[in-house]
């Protein structure tokens, strides 16, 4: 059994919706939830679930929804979907109800590292780029709005360093990531730390964080999943603090935060 839990972090109100089918990944806008399942893309709006939302946005393109693996949303009204095998990113304009292929590159040198069996792909996007972590390649890639794929952070060798050249900076097994303005915040899970990249600098926000997974940012607050608990990082001056926000007995698979002070959490029995 899979469930989506929506929790308000201000007034602690909480609701839960149960599903009998597997949810592969999901993202949230201010009002709606979009999630990937084995047969496609679903939309939850006003409590109503449309499991066949993909049929409404596919006109001329052919897609293989069984290969859809990760999904994210930016505040420009775009949703990006990553597929298994090669580098294939779909862009969904939710205002125009149009889904199309943004990039397809069978020859990329990163192909063998993407979506390896048992390894979840994490993606995020700002107004200009899509970013996603290649856990087993120890790199974070960026995809420009013109479809140009390039390394963004990481030398490709596992380790830890604070180099002023992001492409030479060593990271280890990156997982969840999210953006705030021009800053990219990511889980450096192999080094048990939460890091941020801005300009050509990569620095540590918080240490000693085990089993790091998802990262989501809302209202300048950084939330992350560690040891089956959603926590919040808050900076005050030159110091940072970590607070526990949500935990449960069920396994937390992923979560996202929006600007309405809501956390939407995907859990599995």
Protein backbone atom coordinates (compact mmCIF):
# COMPACT_ATOMS: atom_id res chain seq x y z
CA UNK A 1 0.00 0.00 0.00
CA UNK A 2 1.26 3.45 -0.97
CA UNK A 3 0.09 6.67 0.62
CA UNK A 4 0.49 10.40 0.16
CA UNK A 5 0.38 12.37 3.40
CA UNK A 6 -0.12 16.13 3.33
CA UNK A 7 1.01 17.90 6.49
CA UNK A 8 0.88 21.62 7.26
CA UNK A 9 4.01 22.54 9.23
CA UNK A 10 2.39 25.62 10.76
CA UNK A 11 -0.90 24.31 12.17
CA UNK A 12 0.03 20.57 12.10
CA UNK A 13 -3.10 19.63 10.13
CA UNK A 14 -2.63 16.32 8.34
CA UNK A 15 -4.51 14.22 5.77
CA UNK A 16 -3.66 10.92 4.11
CA UNK A 17 -4.69 9.38 0.76
CA UNK A 18 -4.10 5.66 0.17
CA UNK A 19 -3.40 4.04 -3.20
CA UNK A 20 -3.31 0.37 -4.17
CA UNK A 21 -0.76 0.87 -6.94
CA UNK A 22 2.88 1.82 -6.89
CA UNK A 23 3.81 5.49 -6.93
CA UNK A 24 7.23 5.85 -8.54
CA UNK A 25 7.73 9.56 -7.84
CA UNK A 26 5.70 12.74 -7.50
CA UNK A 27 5.86 16.52 -7.41
CA UNK A 28 3.60 19.30 -6.16
CA UNK A 29 2.49 22.65 -7.48
CA UNK A 30 0.78 25.12 -5.15
CA UNK A 31 -2.58 23.39 -5.65
CA UNK A 32 -2.10 20.04 -7.34
CA UNK A 33 -0.10 16.81 -7.10
CA UNK A 34 1.35 14.97 -10.11
CA UNK A 35 2.65 11.43 -9.69
CA UNK A 36 4.14 8.70 -11.83
CA UNK A 37 2.67 5.21 -11.75
CA UNK A 38 3.33 2.14 -13.87
CA UNK A 39 0.83 3.12 -16.54
CA UNK A 40 1.60 6.81 -16.83
CA UNK A 41 1.09 10.17 -15.17
CA UNK A 42 -1.69 11.02 -12.74
CA UNK A 43 -2.98 14.37 -11.50
CA UNK A 44 -4.64 14.98 -8.12
CA UNK A 45 -6.63 18.21 -7.98
CA UNK A 46 -9.26 19.20 -5.46
CA UNK A 47 -9.37 15.65 -4.12
CA UNK A 48 -10.14 14.23 -7.61
CA UNK A 49 -7.65 11.77 -9.15
CA UNK A 50 -7.11 11.55 -12.90
CA UNK A 51 -5.00 8.45 -13.51
CA UNK A 52 -4.96 9.01 -17.27
CA UNK A 53 -3.70 12.59 -17.29
CA UNK A 54 -0.94 11.57 -19.70
CA UNK A 55 -3.54 10.92 -22.42
CA UNK A 56 -4.69 14.54 -22.19
CA UNK A 57 -1.24 16.02 -22.82
CA UNK A 58 0.13 13.63 -25.47
CA UNK A 59 -0.90 14.57 -28.98
CA UNK A 60 1.81 13.87 -31.53
CA UNK A 61 4.55 12.29 -29.42
CA UNK A 62 4.80 8.63 -28.40
CA UNK A 63 5.98 7.89 -24.87
CA UNK A 64 6.76 4.82 -22.84
CA UNK A 65 5.29 5.62 -19.40
CA UNK A 66 6.62 2.39 -17.89
CA UNK A 67 10.10 3.91 -18.16
CA UNK A 68 9.17 7.17 -16.42
CA UNK A 69 11.21 7.27 -13.20
CA UNK A 70 11.48 10.79 -11.72
CA UNK A 71 9.50 14.01 -11.84
CA UNK A 72 9.97 17.61 -10.67
CA UNK A 73 8.35 21.04 -11.01
CA UNK A 74 9.62 24.60 -11.37
CA UNK A 75 7.74 27.79 -10.62
CA UNK A 76 7.53 28.75 -14.29
CA UNK A 77 4.76 26.17 -14.66
CA UNK A 78 6.86 23.37 -16.15
CA UNK A 79 7.13 19.74 -15.07
CA UNK A 80 10.13 17.63 -16.06
CA UNK A 81 10.06 13.83 -16.26
CA UNK A 82 13.16 11.66 -16.45
CA UNK A 83 13.04 8.24 -18.12
CA UNK A 84 15.19 5.18 -17.63
CA UNK A 85 17.86 4.27 -20.16
CA UNK A 86 19.99 6.88 -21.90
CA UNK A 87 19.28 10.50 -21.05
CA UNK A 88 15.67 11.24 -21.86
CA UNK A 89 13.93 14.24 -20.33
CA UNK A 90 10.32 15.18 -21.07
CA UNK A 91 8.99 18.68 -20.44
CA UNK A 92 5.32 19.17 -19.58
CA UNK A 93 3.91 22.67 -19.81
CA UNK A 94 0.94 22.42 -17.43
CA UNK A 95 -0.44 25.74 -18.66
CA UNK A 96 -0.51 24.63 -22.31
CA UNK A 97 -1.17 20.93 -21.54
CA UNK A 98 1.69 19.88 -23.81
CA UNK A 99 4.28 17.15 -23.23
CA UNK A 100 7.33 16.83 -25.45
CA UNK A 101 10.85 15.41 -25.48
CA UNK A 102 13.50 17.86 -24.33
CA UNK A 103 16.56 15.65 -24.92
CA UNK A 104 17.38 12.17 -26.04
CA UNK A 105 21.03 11.09 -26.18
CA UNK A 106 21.74 7.38 -26.60
CA UNK A 107 25.50 7.96 -26.83
CA UNK A 108 26.03 9.92 -23.62
CA UNK A 109 28.96 8.71 -21.53
CA UNK A 110 26.70 8.79 -18.47
CA UNK A 111 24.18 6.29 -19.87
CA UNK A 112 25.48 3.29 -17.96
CA UNK A 113 25.24 5.18 -14.66
CA UNK A 114 21.71 6.53 -15.03
CA UNK A 115 18.87 4.56 -13.48
CA UNK A 116 20.96 1.54 -12.60
CA UNK A 117 18.86 -1.18 -11.04
CA UNK A 118 17.97 -0.29 -7.46
CA UNK A 119 19.25 3.29 -7.80
CA UNK A 120 16.72 6.14 -7.76
CA UNK A 121 17.33 9.17 -9.95
CA UNK A 122 16.71 12.57 -8.32
CA UNK A 123 15.97 15.62 -10.47
CA UNK A 124 15.14 19.28 -9.83
CA UNK A 125 14.78 22.39 -11.98
CA UNK A 126 14.96 26.15 -11.76
CA UNK A 127 13.95 28.65 -14.45
CA UNK A 128 16.91 27.88 -16.71
CA UNK A 129 18.19 24.34 -16.10
CA UNK A 130 17.29 20.83 -15.08
CA UNK A 131 19.69 19.19 -12.62
CA UNK A 132 19.93 15.55 -11.73
CA UNK A 133 22.25 13.46 -9.63
CA UNK A 134 24.12 10.45 -10.95
CA UNK A 135 24.71 8.61 -7.71
CA UNK A 136 27.08 5.95 -8.99
CA UNK A 137 29.02 8.45 -11.10
CA UNK A 138 29.53 10.88 -8.18
CA UNK A 139 28.34 13.76 -10.33
CA UNK A 140 25.47 16.17 -10.74
CA UNK A 141 24.58 17.01 -14.35
CA UNK A 142 22.83 20.09 -15.74
CA UNK A 143 20.65 20.33 -18.81
CA UNK A 144 20.20 23.81 -20.26
CA UNK A 145 16.97 25.12 -21.76
CA UNK A 146 18.62 24.58 -25.17
CA UNK A 147 19.15 20.85 -24.51
CA UNK A 148 22.88 21.06 -23.76
CA UNK A 149 23.99 18.39 -21.28
CA UNK A 150 27.11 19.02 -19.18
CA UNK A 151 28.70 18.11 -15.82
CA UNK A 152 27.78 20.61 -13.13
CA UNK A 153 29.28 19.38 -9.84
CA UNK A 154 31.74 16.59 -9.14
CA UNK A 155 34.95 15.23 -10.61
CA UNK A 156 33.53 11.73 -11.11
CA UNK A 157 35.68 10.32 -8.30
CA UNK A 158 34.19 9.56 -4.92
CA UNK A 159 35.59 11.69 -2.13
CA UNK A 160 35.24 15.01 -0.37
CA UNK A 161 36.74 18.38 -1.25
CA UNK A 162 35.83 22.07 -1.21
CA UNK A 163 37.46 23.03 -4.53
CA UNK A 164 36.56 26.42 -6.02
CA UNK A 165 36.03 24.64 -9.34
CA UNK A 166 32.71 22.80 -9.10
CA UNK A 167 33.68 20.31 -11.83
CA UNK A 168 36.77 19.34 -9.84
CA UNK A 169 35.02 19.29 -6.48
CA UNK A 170 34.76 15.78 -5.02
CA UNK A 171 31.39 14.52 -3.87
CA UNK A 172 30.19 11.01 -3.08
CA UNK A 173 26.93 9.33 -4.09
CA UNK A 174 24.74 12.47 -4.45
CA UNK A 175 21.01 11.90 -4.06
CA UNK A 176 18.28 14.51 -3.44
CA UNK A 177 18.68 18.08 -4.67
CA UNK A 178 16.73 21.33 -4.91
CA UNK A 179 17.29 24.94 -5.92
CA UNK A 180 16.79 28.31 -4.27
CA UNK A 181 17.52 31.13 -6.69
CA UNK A 182 20.91 30.37 -8.24
CA UNK A 183 21.94 28.10 -5.34
CA UNK A 184 21.76 24.32 -5.70
CA UNK A 185 21.37 22.39 -2.43
CA UNK A 186 22.08 18.65 -2.54
CA UNK A 187 22.49 15.59 -0.37
CA UNK A 188 26.09 14.37 -0.46
CA UNK A 189 24.97 11.02 0.91
CA UNK A 190 28.34 9.27 0.71
CA UNK A 191 29.82 11.97 2.93
CA UNK A 192 26.77 12.18 5.24
CA UNK A 193 26.35 15.90 4.70
CA UNK A 194 24.04 18.50 3.19
CA UNK A 195 25.90 20.79 0.77
CA UNK A 196 25.20 23.88 -1.32
CA UNK A 197 26.78 25.12 -4.55
CA UNK A 198 26.72 28.77 -5.51
CA UNK A 199 28.84 30.32 -8.24
CA UNK A 200 32.01 28.19 -8.19
CA UNK A 201 31.89 27.49 -4.44
CA UNK A 202 30.62 24.31 -2.82
CA UNK A 203 30.21 24.38 0.94
CA UNK A 204 28.74 22.27 3.74
CA UNK A 205 25.49 23.25 5.46
CA UNK A 206 25.12 20.36 7.91
CA UNK A 207 27.16 17.27 8.87
CA UNK A 208 26.61 13.80 10.38
CA UNK A 209 23.40 13.11 8.44
CA UNK A 210 22.93 9.41 7.71
CA UNK A 211 20.87 7.85 4.92
CA UNK A 212 20.29 11.16 3.12
CA UNK A 213 17.71 11.08 0.35
CA UNK A 214 15.25 13.76 -0.80
CA UNK A 215 15.79 17.53 -0.52
CA UNK A 216 13.09 20.18 -1.00
CA UNK A 217 13.10 23.96 -0.46
CA UNK A 218 10.16 26.21 0.38
CA UNK A 219 9.98 29.77 1.72
CA UNK A 220 13.79 29.78 2.07
CA UNK A 221 13.57 26.74 4.36
CA UNK A 222 15.57 23.65 3.42
CA UNK A 223 13.93 20.30 4.17
CA UNK A 224 15.64 16.93 3.75
CA UNK A 225 15.01 13.24 4.43
CA UNK A 226 17.48 11.48 6.71
CA UNK A 227 17.03 8.22 8.64
CA UNK A 228 13.33 8.04 7.70
CA UNK A 229 12.74 11.48 9.24
CA UNK A 230 12.05 14.75 7.47
CA UNK A 231 14.20 17.49 8.96
CA UNK A 232 14.62 21.21 8.38
CA UNK A 233 17.85 23.16 8.12
CA UNK A 234 17.67 26.74 9.28
CA UNK A 235 20.56 29.20 9.17
CA UNK A 236 20.93 32.08 11.59
CA UNK A 237 23.92 34.31 10.98
CA UNK A 238 26.94 32.07 10.50
CA UNK A 239 25.43 29.12 12.36
CA UNK A 240 22.97 26.50 11.17
CA UNK A 241 20.42 24.41 13.04
CA UNK A 242 18.63 21.16 12.19
CA UNK A 243 15.11 20.40 13.47
CA UNK A 244 12.94 17.30 13.12
CA UNK A 245 9.67 18.03 11.30
CA UNK A 246 8.03 14.67 10.56
CA UNK A 247 8.55 10.97 11.14
CA UNK A 248 6.35 7.88 11.07
CA UNK A 249 6.51 4.11 11.39
CA UNK A 250 5.94 3.64 7.65
CA UNK A 251 8.84 3.91 5.22
CA UNK A 252 9.16 7.44 3.80
CA UNK A 253 10.08 7.16 0.12
CA UNK A 254 10.15 10.83 -0.83
CA UNK A 255 8.55 14.20 -0.08
CA UNK A 256 8.20 17.73 -1.40
CA UNK A 257 7.44 21.11 0.14
CA UNK A 258 5.45 23.98 -1.35
CA UNK A 259 5.05 27.64 -0.46
CA UNK A 260 1.73 27.04 1.33
CA UNK A 261 3.64 25.51 4.27
CA UNK A 262 2.55 22.03 3.19
CA UNK A 263 4.72 18.95 3.07
CA UNK A 264 3.50 16.15 0.82
CA UNK A 265 5.07 12.86 1.83
CA UNK A 266 5.10 9.55 -0.04
CA UNK A 267 5.14 6.54 2.28
CA UNK A 268 4.98 2.78 1.80
CA UNK A 269 3.58 0.11 4.10
